[in-house]
């Protein structure tokens, strides 16, 4: 089994029929936005701006 570096997976889906983007961070948190720049800023600011799922803040 390989013990190489783990990859962080970011996913952004476009919601058909809307101008809405739905993003899922590698930590499991989700966010929606109309602006692609806002979406990427939110994702890449991790962990600032959001905490992993299950964390009480």
PDB file of N, CA and C in Angstrom:
ATOM      1  N   UNK A   1       0.846  -1.182   0.000  1.00  0.00           N
ATOM      2  CA  UNK A   1       0.000   0.000   0.000  1.00  0.00           C
ATOM      3  C   UNK A   1       0.887   1.239   0.000  1.00  0.00           C
ATOM      4  N   UNK A   2       0.526   2.201  -0.806  1.00  0.00           N
ATOM      5  CA  UNK A   2       1.277   3.447  -0.903  1.00  0.00           C
ATOM      6  C   UNK A   2       1.003   4.330   0.304  1.00  0.00           C
ATOM      7  N   UNK A   3       2.025   4.978   0.797  1.00  0.00           N
ATOM      8  CA  UNK A   3       1.860   5.916   1.909  1.00  0.00           C
ATOM      9  C   UNK A   3       2.205   7.318   1.441  1.00  0.00           C
ATOM     10  N   UNK A   4       1.937   7.609   0.181  1.00  0.00           N
ATOM     11  CA  UNK A   4       2.222   8.918  -0.401  1.00  0.00           C
ATOM     12  C   UNK A   4       1.357  10.000   0.222  1.00  0.00           C
ATOM     13  N   UNK A   5       1.575  11.228  -0.225  1.00  0.00           N
ATOM     14  CA  UNK A   5       0.822  12.350   0.343  1.00  0.00           C
ATOM     15  C   UNK A   5      -0.673  12.214   0.057  1.00  0.00           C
ATOM     16  N   UNK A   6      -1.477  12.690   0.997  1.00  0.00           N
ATOM     17  CA  UNK A   6      -2.922  12.674   0.786  1.00  0.00           C
ATOM     18  C   UNK A   6      -3.305  13.870  -0.064  1.00  0.00           C
ATOM     19  N   UNK A   7      -4.354  13.701  -0.843  1.00  0.00           N
ATOM     20  CA  UNK A   7      -4.816  14.785  -1.701  1.00  0.00           C
ATOM     21  C   UNK A   7      -6.064  15.409  -1.097  1.00  0.00           C
ATOM     22  N   UNK A   8      -6.135  16.722  -1.176  1.00  0.00           N
ATOM     23  CA  UNK A   8      -7.336  17.427  -0.768  1.00  0.00           C
ATOM     24  C   UNK A   8      -8.213  17.565  -2.004  1.00  0.00           C
ATOM     25  N   UNK A   9      -9.475  17.193  -1.872  1.00  0.00           N
ATOM     26  CA  UNK A   9     -10.383  17.248  -3.011  1.00  0.00           C
ATOM     27  C   UNK A   9     -11.412  18.340  -2.763  1.00  0.00           C
ATOM     28  N   UNK A  10     -11.467  19.266  -3.691  1.00  0.00           N
ATOM     29  CA  UNK A  10     -12.455  20.332  -3.666  1.00  0.00           C
ATOM     30  C   UNK A  10     -13.406  20.070  -4.826  1.00  0.00           C
ATOM     31  N   UNK A  11     -14.694  20.251  -4.584  1.00  0.00           N
ATOM     32  CA  UNK A  11     -15.665  19.997  -5.642  1.00  0.00           C
ATOM     33  C   UNK A  11     -16.615  21.179  -5.750  1.00  0.00           C
ATOM     34  N   UNK A  12     -16.798  21.653  -6.977  1.00  0.00           N
ATOM     35  CA  UNK A  12     -17.765  22.716  -7.237  1.00  0.00           C
ATOM     36  C   UNK A  12     -18.699  22.232  -8.328  1.00  0.00           C
ATOM     37  N   UNK A  13     -19.981  22.259  -8.033  1.00  0.00           N
ATOM     38  CA  UNK A  13     -21.007  21.871  -8.987  1.00  0.00           C
ATOM     39  C   UNK A  13     -21.851  23.089  -9.316  1.00  0.00           C
ATOM     40  N   UNK A  14     -22.258  23.179 -10.566  1.00  0.00           N
ATOM     41  CA  UNK A  14     -23.193  24.201 -10.994  1.00  0.00           C
ATOM     42  C   UNK A  14     -24.581  23.605 -10.876  1.00  0.00           C
ATOM     43  N   UNK A  15     -25.497  24.340 -10.268  1.00  0.00           N
ATOM     44  CA  UNK A  15     -26.862  23.866 -10.136  1.00  0.00           C
ATOM     45  C   UNK A  15     -27.629  24.273 -11.397  1.00  0.00           C
ATOM     46  N   UNK A  16     -27.940  23.320 -12.278  1.00  0.00           N
ATOM     47  CA  UNK A  16     -28.589  23.621 -13.557  1.00  0.00           C
ATOM     48  C   UNK A  16     -29.846  24.472 -13.405  1.00  0.00           C
ATOM     49  N   UNK A  17     -29.994  25.413 -14.333  1.00  0.00           N
ATOM     50  CA  UNK A  17     -31.151  26.289 -14.316  1.00  0.00           C
ATOM     51  C   UNK A  17     -30.995  27.476 -13.380  1.00  0.00           C
ATOM     52  N   UNK A  18     -29.837  27.595 -12.738  1.00  0.00           N
ATOM     53  CA  UNK A  18     -29.578  28.707 -11.811  1.00  0.00           C
ATOM     54  C   UNK A  18     -28.194  29.284 -12.094  1.00  0.00           C
ATOM     55  N   UNK A  19     -27.868  30.344 -11.385  1.00  0.00           N
ATOM     56  CA  UNK A  19     -26.518  30.907 -11.410  1.00  0.00           C
ATOM     57  C   UNK A  19     -25.774  30.519 -10.138  1.00  0.00           C
ATOM     58  N   UNK A  20     -26.210  29.458  -9.486  1.00  0.00           N
ATOM     59  CA  UNK A  20     -25.683  29.065  -8.183  1.00  0.00           C
ATOM     60  C   UNK A  20     -24.630  27.976  -8.333  1.00  0.00           C
ATOM     61  N   UNK A  21     -23.539  28.158  -7.602  1.00  0.00           N
ATOM     62  CA  UNK A  21     -22.492  27.146  -7.507  1.00  0.00           C
ATOM     63  C   UNK A  21     -22.595  26.513  -6.122  1.00  0.00           C
ATOM     64  N   UNK A  22     -22.411  25.207  -6.065  1.00  0.00           N
ATOM     65  CA  UNK A  22     -22.442  24.483  -4.798  1.00  0.00           C
ATOM     66  C   UNK A  22     -21.075  23.848  -4.611  1.00  0.00           C
ATOM     67  N   UNK A  23     -20.376  24.265  -3.568  1.00  0.00           N
ATOM     68  CA  UNK A  23     -19.033  23.756  -3.331  1.00  0.00           C
ATOM     69  C   UNK A  23     -18.974  22.844  -2.126  1.00  0.00           C
ATOM     70  N   UNK A  24     -18.114  21.840  -2.226  1.00  0.00           N
ATOM     71  CA  UNK A  24     -17.857  20.931  -1.108  1.00  0.00           C
ATOM     72  C   UNK A  24     -16.362  20.910  -0.867  1.00  0.00           C
ATOM     73  N   UNK A  25     -15.952  21.280   0.318  1.00  0.00           N
ATOM     74  CA  UNK A  25     -14.542  21.320   0.697  1.00  0.00           C
ATOM     75  C   UNK A  25     -14.059  19.922   1.049  1.00  0.00           C
ATOM     76  N   UNK A  26     -12.752  19.743   1.067  1.00  0.00           N
ATOM     77  CA  UNK A  26     -12.179  18.455   1.439  1.00  0.00           C
ATOM     78  C   UNK A  26     -12.547  18.038   2.854  1.00  0.00           C
ATOM     79  N   UNK A  27     -12.937  19.001   3.696  1.00  0.00           N
ATOM     80  CA  UNK A  27     -13.311  18.679   5.073  1.00  0.00           C
ATOM     81  C   UNK A  27     -14.776  18.269   5.189  1.00  0.00           C
ATOM     82  N   UNK A  28     -15.534  18.413   4.095  1.00  0.00           N
ATOM     83  CA  UNK A  28     -16.929  18.024   4.116  1.00  0.00           C
ATOM     84  C   UNK A  28     -17.905  19.178   4.228  1.00  0.00           C
ATOM     85  N   UNK A  29     -17.421  20.367   4.574  1.00  0.00           N
ATOM     86  CA  UNK A  29     -18.314  21.521   4.662  1.00  0.00           C
ATOM     87  C   UNK A  29     -18.779  21.922   3.274  1.00  0.00           C
ATOM     88  N   UNK A  30     -19.989  22.506   3.206  1.00  0.00           N
ATOM     89  CA  UNK A  30     -20.577  22.905   1.938  1.00  0.00           C
ATOM     90  C   UNK A  30     -20.890  24.396   1.955  1.00  0.00           C
ATOM     91  N   UNK A  31     -20.914  24.988   0.760  1.00  0.00           N
ATOM     92  CA  UNK A  31     -21.147  26.424   0.621  1.00  0.00           C
ATOM     93  C   UNK A  31     -21.777  26.671  -0.738  1.00  0.00           C
ATOM     94  N   UNK A  32     -22.658  27.653  -0.837  1.00  0.00           N
ATOM     95  CA  UNK A  32     -23.207  28.033  -2.129  1.00  0.00           C
ATOM     96  C   UNK A  32     -22.899  29.497  -2.378  1.00  0.00           C
ATOM     97  N   UNK A  33     -22.702  29.838  -3.650  1.00  0.00           N
ATOM     98  CA  UNK A  33     -22.404  31.215  -4.041  1.00  0.00           C
ATOM     99  C   UNK A  33     -22.707  31.370  -5.522  1.00  0.00           C
ATOM    100  N   UNK A  34     -22.929  32.606  -5.940  1.00  0.00           N
ATOM    101  CA  UNK A  34     -23.113  32.888  -7.358  1.00  0.00           C
ATOM    102  C   UNK A  34     -21.790  33.268  -8.005  1.00  0.00           C
ATOM    103  N   UNK A  35     -20.868  33.767  -7.235  1.00  0.00           N
ATOM    104  CA  UNK A  35     -19.594  34.253  -7.756  1.00  0.00           C
ATOM    105  C   UNK A  35     -18.520  33.168  -7.621  1.00  0.00           C
ATOM    106  N   UNK A  36     -17.924  32.732  -8.738  1.00  0.00           N
ATOM    107  CA  UNK A  36     -16.891  31.696  -8.659  1.00  0.00           C
ATOM    108  C   UNK A  36     -15.677  32.118  -7.825  1.00  0.00           C
ATOM    109  N   UNK A  37     -15.340  33.404  -7.865  1.00  0.00           N
ATOM    110  CA  UNK A  37     -14.199  33.888  -7.074  1.00  0.00           C
ATOM    111  C   UNK A  37     -14.503  33.755  -5.589  1.00  0.00           C
ATOM    112  N   UNK A  38     -15.711  34.127  -5.181  1.00  0.00           N
ATOM    113  CA  UNK A  38     -16.118  33.976  -3.778  1.00  0.00           C
ATOM    114  C   UNK A  38     -16.029  32.518  -3.343  1.00  0.00           C
ATOM    115  N   UNK A  39     -16.477  31.620  -4.231  1.00  0.00           N
ATOM    116  CA  UNK A  39     -16.451  30.194  -3.907  1.00  0.00           C
ATOM    117  C   UNK A  39     -15.027  29.711  -3.669  1.00  0.00           C
ATOM    118  N   UNK A  40     -14.110  30.030  -4.584  1.00  0.00           N
ATOM    119  CA  UNK A  40     -12.726  29.585  -4.423  1.00  0.00           C
ATOM    120  C   UNK A  40     -12.057  30.234  -3.224  1.00  0.00           C
ATOM    121  N   UNK A  41     -12.350  31.496  -2.959  1.00  0.00           N
ATOM    122  CA  UNK A  41     -11.778  32.140  -1.769  1.00  0.00           C
ATOM    123  C   UNK A  41     -12.236  31.435  -0.506  1.00  0.00           C
ATOM    124  N   UNK A  42     -13.514  31.044  -0.461  1.00  0.00           N
ATOM    125  CA  UNK A  42     -14.029  30.332   0.706  1.00  0.00           C
ATOM    126  C   UNK A  42     -13.310  29.000   0.876  1.00  0.00           C
ATOM    127  N   UNK A  43     -13.168  28.266  -0.221  1.00  0.00           N
ATOM    128  CA  UNK A  43     -12.522  26.952  -0.136  1.00  0.00           C
ATOM    129  C   UNK A  43     -11.050  27.048   0.238  1.00  0.00           C
ATOM    130  N   UNK A  44     -10.344  27.950  -0.399  1.00  0.00           N
ATOM    131  CA  UNK A  44      -8.900  28.030  -0.179  1.00  0.00           C
ATOM    132  C   UNK A  44      -8.526  28.719   1.127  1.00  0.00           C
ATOM    133  N   UNK A  45      -9.490  29.334   1.802  1.00  0.00           N
ATOM    134  CA  UNK A  45      -9.234  29.969   3.100  1.00  0.00           C
ATOM    135  C   UNK A  45      -9.232  28.948   4.232  1.00  0.00           C
ATOM    136  N   UNK A  46      -9.443  27.680   3.902  1.00  0.00           N
ATOM    137  CA  UNK A  46      -9.526  26.625   4.923  1.00  0.00           C
ATOM    138  C   UNK A  46      -8.271  26.603   5.789  1.00  0.00           C
ATOM    139  N   UNK A  47      -8.354  26.515   7.082  1.00  0.00           N
ATOM    140  CA  UNK A  47      -9.561  26.345   7.882  1.00  0.00           C
ATOM    141  C   UNK A  47     -10.206  27.662   8.287  1.00  0.00           C
ATOM    142  N   UNK A  48      -9.663  28.801   7.856  1.00  0.00           N
ATOM    143  CA  UNK A  48     -10.302  30.080   8.182  1.00  0.00           C
ATOM    144  C   UNK A  48     -11.562  30.208   7.345  1.00  0.00           C
ATOM    145  N   UNK A  49     -12.629  30.632   7.955  1.00  0.00           N
ATOM    146  CA  UNK A  49     -13.880  30.787   7.236  1.00  0.00           C
ATOM    147  C   UNK A  49     -14.821  29.617   7.418  1.00  0.00           C
ATOM    148  N   UNK A  50     -14.294  28.474   7.815  1.00  0.00           N
ATOM    149  CA  UNK A  50     -15.137  27.337   8.120  1.00  0.00           C
ATOM    150  C   UNK A  50     -14.324  26.283   8.854  1.00  0.00           C
ATOM    151  N   UNK A  51     -15.037  25.480   9.591  1.00  0.00           N
ATOM    152  CA  UNK A  51     -14.426  24.419  10.387  1.00  0.00           C
ATOM    153  C   UNK A  51     -14.886  23.073   9.846  1.00  0.00           C
ATOM    154  N   UNK A  52     -14.092  22.026  10.053  1.00  0.00           N
ATOM    155  CA  UNK A  52     -14.532  20.690   9.612  1.00  0.00           C
ATOM    156  C   UNK A  52     -15.889  20.323  10.210  1.00  0.00           C
ATOM    157  N   UNK A  53     -16.637  19.545   9.468  1.00  0.00           N
ATOM    158  CA  UNK A  53     -17.956  19.099   9.912  1.00  0.00           C
ATOM    159  C   UNK A  53     -17.849  18.414  11.264  1.00  0.00           C
ATOM    160  N   UNK A  54     -18.797  18.706  12.146  1.00  0.00           N
ATOM    161  CA  UNK A  54     -18.806  18.095  13.469  1.00  0.00           C
ATOM    162  C   UNK A  54     -18.138  18.973  14.525  1.00  0.00           C
ATOM    163  N   UNK A  55     -17.534  20.086  14.107  1.00  0.00           N
ATOM    164  CA  UNK A  55     -16.895  20.998  15.048  1.00  0.00           C
ATOM    165  C   UNK A  55     -17.902  22.036  15.473  1.00  0.00           C
ATOM    166  N   UNK A  56     -18.103  22.193  16.758  1.00  0.00           N
ATOM    167  CA  UNK A  56     -19.005  23.231  17.264  1.00  0.00           C
ATOM    168  C   UNK A  56     -18.256  24.538  17.336  1.00  0.00           C
ATOM    169  N   UNK A  57     -18.806  25.582  16.708  1.00  0.00           N
ATOM    170  CA  UNK A  57     -18.197  26.906  16.762  1.00  0.00           C
ATOM    171  C   UNK A  57     -19.215  27.924  17.172  1.00  0.00           C
TER     172      UNK A  57
END
